Amino acid sequence: RSPAGDIQTTAIDIDYRSARERKREIKNISRSMVEIQGMFTELSSMVIEQGTILDRIDQNLTHTDRHLKDAGEELTQAKGTTSQSTKCWLGLLIFIIIFTVVVIVLIRSKRT
């Protein structure tokens, strides 16, 4: 063997080791990219899921608002009905009291 051949062999070994090192690094980068792709896919799924949840929350808030408005209207109607009912009962009570007083006065006036 000649010194030039040894140098050439050493240079080839260095190039081969360097190529193997680069290949290993490229494989690591490739694995990392696959992991990152998985993370982005999972993140995309989470964003879609959160969007669906937000849509449901918004829909529930809309329904709740409508139900609260309806309940307010029903309470207003009930208040009016209660007020009218109270007036009717009060009028009936006054009529009964007056009628009772008149009957008592008539009964007493006939006794005397």
N, C-alpha and C. Protein backbone atom coordinates (compact mmCIF):
# COMPACT_ATOMS: atom_id res chain seq x y z
N ARG A 1 0.83 -1.19 0.00
CA ARG A 1 0.00 0.00 0.00
C ARG A 1 0.86 1.24 0.00
N SER A 2 0.32 2.22 -0.69
CA SER A 2 1.08 3.47 -0.76
C SER A 2 0.45 4.48 0.17
N PRO A 3 1.20 5.46 0.61
CA PRO A 3 0.65 6.49 1.48
C PRO A 3 -0.51 7.23 0.82
N ALA A 4 -0.46 7.38 -0.47
CA ALA A 4 -1.55 8.07 -1.17
C ALA A 4 -2.81 7.21 -1.10
N GLY A 5 -2.65 5.89 -1.17
CA GLY A 5 -3.79 4.98 -1.09
C GLY A 5 -4.40 4.99 0.30
N ASP A 6 -3.53 5.08 1.32
CA ASP A 6 -4.03 5.15 2.70
C ASP A 6 -4.81 6.44 2.93
N ILE A 7 -4.28 7.53 2.38
CA ILE A 7 -4.95 8.81 2.53
C ILE A 7 -6.30 8.77 1.82
N GLN A 8 -6.29 8.14 0.64
CA GLN A 8 -7.52 8.04 -0.13
C GLN A 8 -8.54 7.18 0.62
N THR A 9 -8.06 6.06 1.20
CA THR A 9 -8.94 5.18 1.96
C THR A 9 -9.47 5.91 3.18
N THR A 10 -8.61 6.66 3.86
CA THR A 10 -9.03 7.42 5.04
C THR A 10 -10.06 8.48 4.63
N ALA A 11 -9.86 9.13 3.51
CA ALA A 11 -10.81 10.15 3.04
C ALA A 11 -12.15 9.49 2.70
N ILE A 12 -12.10 8.30 2.12
CA ILE A 12 -13.34 7.59 1.80
C ILE A 12 -14.05 7.18 3.08
N ASP A 13 -13.28 6.71 4.09
CA ASP A 13 -13.89 6.33 5.37
C ASP A 13 -14.54 7.55 6.04
N ILE A 14 -13.85 8.68 5.98
CA ILE A 14 -14.39 9.90 6.58
C ILE A 14 -15.67 10.30 5.85
N ASP A 15 -15.63 10.24 4.50
CA ASP A 15 -16.83 10.57 3.72
C ASP A 15 -17.96 9.60 4.05
N TYR A 16 -17.64 8.32 4.19
CA TYR A 16 -18.66 7.31 4.49
C TYR A 16 -19.27 7.56 5.87
N ARG A 17 -18.41 7.83 6.86
CA ARG A 17 -18.91 8.14 8.21
C ARG A 17 -19.75 9.41 8.20
N SER A 18 -19.30 10.38 7.47
CA SER A 18 -20.02 11.64 7.37
C SER A 18 -21.38 11.42 6.71
N ALA A 19 -21.40 10.58 5.67
CA ALA A 19 -22.66 10.28 4.98
C ALA A 19 -23.60 9.53 5.92
N ARG A 20 -23.05 8.56 6.69
CA ARG A 20 -23.89 7.82 7.65
C ARG A 20 -24.43 8.76 8.71
N GLU A 21 -23.61 9.68 9.18
CA GLU A 21 -24.04 10.66 10.19
C GLU A 21 -25.16 11.54 9.64
N ARG A 22 -25.01 12.02 8.42
CA ARG A 22 -26.04 12.83 7.78
C ARG A 22 -27.33 12.04 7.59
N LYS A 23 -27.18 10.76 7.19
CA LYS A 23 -28.35 9.91 6.99
C LYS A 23 -29.10 9.74 8.32
N ARG A 24 -28.37 9.53 9.41
CA ARG A 24 -28.98 9.40 10.73
C ARG A 24 -29.68 10.70 11.14
N GLU A 25 -29.04 11.82 10.89
CA GLU A 25 -29.65 13.11 11.21
C GLU A 25 -30.91 13.35 10.38
N ILE A 26 -30.86 12.97 9.10
CA ILE A 26 -32.03 13.12 8.23
C ILE A 26 -33.17 12.24 8.74
N LYS A 27 -32.85 11.02 9.17
CA LYS A 27 -33.88 10.13 9.73
C LYS A 27 -34.48 10.75 11.00
N ASN A 28 -33.65 11.33 11.85
CA ASN A 28 -34.14 11.99 13.07
C ASN A 28 -35.06 13.17 12.71
N ILE A 29 -34.63 13.95 11.73
CA ILE A 29 -35.45 15.08 11.29
C ILE A 29 -36.77 14.57 10.72
N SER A 30 -36.71 13.50 9.95
CA SER A 30 -37.92 12.92 9.37
C SER A 30 -38.87 12.44 10.47
N ARG A 31 -38.33 11.76 11.49
CA ARG A 31 -39.15 11.31 12.62
C ARG A 31 -39.77 12.50 13.34
N SER A 32 -38.98 13.54 13.54
CA SER A 32 -39.49 14.74 14.21
C SER A 32 -40.61 15.38 13.39
N MET A 33 -40.46 15.40 12.09
CA MET A 33 -41.49 15.98 11.24
C MET A 33 -42.78 15.16 11.30
N VAL A 34 -42.64 13.83 11.36
CA VAL A 34 -43.83 12.98 11.48
C VAL A 34 -44.52 13.25 12.82
N GLU A 35 -43.72 13.40 13.89
CA GLU A 35 -44.29 13.73 15.21
C GLU A 35 -45.01 15.08 15.17
N ILE A 36 -44.37 16.06 14.54
CA ILE A 36 -44.97 17.39 14.44
C ILE A 36 -46.27 17.33 13.63
N GLN A 37 -46.26 16.54 12.56
CA GLN A 37 -47.48 16.38 11.76
C GLN A 37 -48.59 15.78 12.62
N GLY A 38 -48.26 14.78 13.43
CA GLY A 38 -49.24 14.18 14.34
C GLY A 38 -49.79 15.21 15.32
N MET A 39 -48.89 16.04 15.85
CA MET A 39 -49.32 17.08 16.80
C MET A 39 -50.27 18.07 16.13
N PHE A 40 -49.94 18.49 14.89
CA PHE A 40 -50.80 19.43 14.18
C PHE A 40 -52.15 18.79 13.84
N THR A 41 -52.13 17.51 13.50
CA THR A 41 -53.39 16.81 13.22
C THR A 41 -54.25 16.77 14.48
N GLU A 42 -53.64 16.45 15.62
CA GLU A 42 -54.36 16.42 16.90
C GLU A 42 -54.86 17.81 17.27
N LEU A 43 -54.02 18.82 17.05
CA LEU A 43 -54.42 20.21 17.34
C LEU A 43 -55.60 20.62 16.46
N SER A 44 -55.56 20.25 15.19
CA SER A 44 -56.66 20.55 14.28
C SER A 44 -57.95 19.90 14.77
N SER A 45 -57.85 18.67 15.20
CA SER A 45 -59.02 17.96 15.73
C SER A 45 -59.56 18.65 16.96
N MET A 46 -58.67 19.10 17.85
CA MET A 46 -59.09 19.79 19.07
C MET A 46 -59.78 21.12 18.73
N VAL A 47 -59.25 21.84 17.75
CA VAL A 47 -59.83 23.12 17.35
C VAL A 47 -61.24 22.90 16.79
N ILE A 48 -61.40 21.87 15.97
CA ILE A 48 -62.72 21.57 15.41
C ILE A 48 -63.69 21.21 16.53
N GLU A 49 -63.22 20.39 17.48
CA GLU A 49 -64.07 19.98 18.61
C GLU A 49 -64.47 21.20 19.44
N GLN A 50 -63.52 22.09 19.71
CA GLN A 50 -63.82 23.29 20.49
C GLN A 50 -64.82 24.17 19.74
N GLY A 51 -64.68 24.26 18.42
CA GLY A 51 -65.62 25.04 17.62
C GLY A 51 -67.03 24.49 17.73
N THR A 52 -67.14 23.16 17.71
CA THR A 52 -68.45 22.53 17.85
C THR A 52 -69.04 22.83 19.22
N ILE A 53 -68.21 22.75 20.24
CA ILE A 53 -68.68 23.05 21.61
C ILE A 53 -69.13 24.50 21.71
N LEU A 54 -68.36 25.42 21.12
CA LEU A 54 -68.74 26.83 21.15
C LEU A 54 -70.05 27.07 20.40
N ASP A 55 -70.24 26.37 19.29
CA ASP A 55 -71.50 26.48 18.56
C ASP A 55 -72.67 26.04 19.43
N ARG A 56 -72.48 24.92 20.16
CA ARG A 56 -73.55 24.43 21.03
C ARG A 56 -73.82 25.42 22.17
N ILE A 57 -72.77 25.99 22.73
CA ILE A 57 -72.94 26.98 23.81
C ILE A 57 -73.72 28.18 23.28
N ASP A 58 -73.34 28.66 22.10
CA ASP A 58 -74.02 29.81 21.49
C ASP A 58 -75.50 29.48 21.26
N GLN A 59 -75.77 28.29 20.75
CA GLN A 59 -77.15 27.88 20.50
C GLN A 59 -77.93 27.80 21.81
N ASN A 60 -77.31 27.25 22.86
CA ASN A 60 -77.97 27.17 24.17
C ASN A 60 -78.26 28.56 24.73
N LEU A 61 -77.33 29.49 24.55
CA LEU A 61 -77.55 30.86 25.03
C LEU A 61 -78.71 31.51 24.29
N THR A 62 -78.80 31.26 22.99
CA THR A 62 -79.91 31.81 22.20
C THR A 62 -81.23 31.25 22.70
N HIS A 63 -81.28 29.93 22.93
CA HIS A 63 -82.51 29.31 23.44
C HIS A 63 -82.86 29.86 24.83
N THR A 64 -81.85 30.00 25.68
CA THR A 64 -82.08 30.51 27.03
C THR A 64 -82.63 31.93 26.98
N ASP A 65 -82.07 32.76 26.12
CA ASP A 65 -82.55 34.13 25.98
C ASP A 65 -84.01 34.14 25.56
N ARG A 66 -84.35 33.32 24.57
CA ARG A 66 -85.74 33.26 24.10
C ARG A 66 -86.67 32.78 25.22
N HIS A 67 -86.24 31.74 25.96
CA HIS A 67 -87.07 31.21 27.05
C HIS A 67 -87.25 32.25 28.16
N LEU A 68 -86.19 33.01 28.46
CA LEU A 68 -86.31 34.05 29.49
C LEU A 68 -87.28 35.15 29.07
N LYS A 69 -87.25 35.52 27.80
CA LYS A 69 -88.20 36.54 27.31
C LYS A 69 -89.63 36.01 27.41
N ASP A 70 -89.82 34.75 27.00
CA ASP A 70 -91.16 34.14 27.09
C ASP A 70 -91.62 34.08 28.54
N ALA A 71 -90.71 33.71 29.44
CA ALA A 71 -91.05 33.62 30.87
C ALA A 71 -91.44 34.99 31.42
N GLY A 72 -90.72 36.02 31.01
CA GLY A 72 -91.04 37.39 31.44
C GLY A 72 -92.43 37.79 30.99
N GLU A 73 -92.77 37.46 29.74
CA GLU A 73 -94.11 37.78 29.23
C GLU A 73 -95.18 37.02 30.01
N GLU A 74 -94.92 35.74 30.29
CA GLU A 74 -95.90 34.95 31.04
C GLU A 74 -96.07 35.48 32.46
N LEU A 75 -94.98 35.93 33.09
CA LEU A 75 -95.08 36.51 34.43
C LEU A 75 -95.90 37.81 34.40
N THR A 76 -95.69 38.60 33.37
CA THR A 76 -96.47 39.84 33.23
C THR A 76 -97.95 39.52 33.08
N GLN A 77 -98.26 38.52 32.26
CA GLN A 77 -99.67 38.11 32.08
C GLN A 77 -100.24 37.57 33.39
N ALA A 78 -99.44 36.77 34.09
CA ALA A 78 -99.91 36.20 35.35
C ALA A 78 -100.17 37.30 36.38
N LYS A 79 -99.32 38.31 36.39
CA LYS A 79 -99.50 39.41 37.32
C LYS A 79 -100.81 40.14 37.02
N GLY A 80 -101.07 40.36 35.73
CA GLY A 80 -102.32 41.02 35.34
C GLY A 80 -103.52 40.17 35.72
N THR A 81 -103.44 38.88 35.49
CA THR A 81 -104.53 37.98 35.83
C THR A 81 -104.75 37.94 37.33
N THR A 82 -103.67 37.88 38.09
CA THR A 82 -103.76 37.86 39.56
C THR A 82 -104.39 39.15 40.06
N SER A 83 -103.99 40.27 39.48
CA SER A 83 -104.53 41.56 39.88
C SER A 83 -106.03 41.62 39.61
N GLN A 84 -106.47 41.16 38.45
CA GLN A 84 -107.89 41.14 38.12
C GLN A 84 -108.64 40.18 39.04
N SER A 85 -108.06 39.03 39.29
CA SER A 85 -108.69 38.04 40.16
C SER A 85 -108.84 38.58 41.57
N THR A 86 -107.81 39.26 42.05
CA THR A 86 -107.87 39.84 43.40
C THR A 86 -108.97 40.89 43.47
N LYS A 87 -109.10 41.70 42.43
CA LYS A 87 -110.15 42.72 42.41
C LYS A 87 -111.53 42.07 42.43
N CYS A 88 -111.70 40.99 41.68
CA CYS A 88 -113.00 40.28 41.66
C CYS A 88 -113.33 39.72 43.04
N TRP A 89 -112.35 39.08 43.67
CA TRP A 89 -112.59 38.50 45.00
C TRP A 89 -112.88 39.59 46.02
N LEU A 90 -112.17 40.70 45.92
CA LEU A 90 -112.39 41.81 46.84
C LEU A 90 -113.79 42.38 46.64
N GLY A 91 -114.22 42.54 45.38
CA GLY A 91 -115.56 43.03 45.10
C GLY A 91 -116.62 42.08 45.64
N LEU A 92 -116.41 40.78 45.46
CA LEU A 92 -117.35 39.79 45.97
C LEU A 92 -117.42 39.84 47.49
N LEU A 93 -116.26 39.98 48.13
CA LEU A 93 -116.22 40.05 49.60
C LEU A 93 -116.97 41.29 50.09
N ILE A 94 -116.77 42.42 49.44
CA ILE A 94 -117.47 43.65 49.82
C ILE A 94 -118.98 43.47 49.64
N PHE A 95 -119.39 42.85 48.54
CA PHE A 95 -120.80 42.60 48.30
C PHE A 95 -121.39 41.70 49.39
N ILE A 96 -120.67 40.64 49.77
CA ILE A 96 -121.15 39.72 50.82
C ILE A 96 -121.29 40.46 52.15
N ILE A 97 -120.29 41.31 52.46
CA ILE A 97 -120.34 42.06 53.72
C ILE A 97 -121.54 43.01 53.72
N ILE A 98 -121.72 43.74 52.62
CA ILE A 98 -122.85 44.68 52.54
C ILE A 98 -124.17 43.91 52.62
N PHE A 99 -124.26 42.80 51.90
CA PHE A 99 -125.48 41.99 51.91
C PHE A 99 -125.76 41.48 53.33
N THR A 100 -124.72 41.02 54.03
CA THR A 100 -124.87 40.52 55.40
C THR A 100 -125.34 41.64 56.32
N VAL A 101 -124.74 42.84 56.18
CA VAL A 101 -125.12 43.98 57.01
C VAL A 101 -126.58 44.34 56.74
N VAL A 102 -126.99 44.37 55.48
CA VAL A 102 -128.37 44.70 55.13
C VAL A 102 -129.32 43.65 55.72
N VAL A 103 -128.99 42.39 55.60
CA VAL A 103 -129.85 41.33 56.16
C VAL A 103 -129.95 41.48 57.67
N ILE A 104 -128.83 41.75 58.34
CA ILE A 104 -128.84 41.91 59.80
C ILE A 104 -129.70 43.12 60.18
N VAL A 105 -129.55 44.21 59.45
CA VAL A 105 -130.32 45.43 59.74
C VAL A 105 -131.81 45.13 59.53
N LEU A 106 -132.16 44.45 58.48
CA LEU A 106 -133.56 44.12 58.21
C LEU A 106 -134.14 43.21 59.30
N ILE A 107 -133.37 42.23 59.70
CA ILE A 107 -133.82 41.31 60.76
C ILE A 107 -134.03 42.08 62.05
N ARG A 108 -133.14 42.94 62.42
CA ARG A 108 -133.24 43.69 63.67
C ARG A 108 -134.41 44.70 63.59
N SER A 109 -134.58 45.27 62.41
CA SER A 109 -135.66 46.25 62.30
C SER A 109 -137.03 45.57 62.38
N LYS A 110 -137.15 44.34 61.96
CA LYS A 110 -138.41 43.63 62.07
C LYS A 110 -138.66 43.20 63.50
N ARG A 111 -137.69 42.98 64.29
CA ARG A 111 -137.85 42.60 65.70
C ARG A 111 -138.34 43.75 66.52
N THR A 112 -137.98 44.89 66.17
CA THR A 112 -138.35 46.02 67.01
C THR A 112 -139.66 46.63 66.66
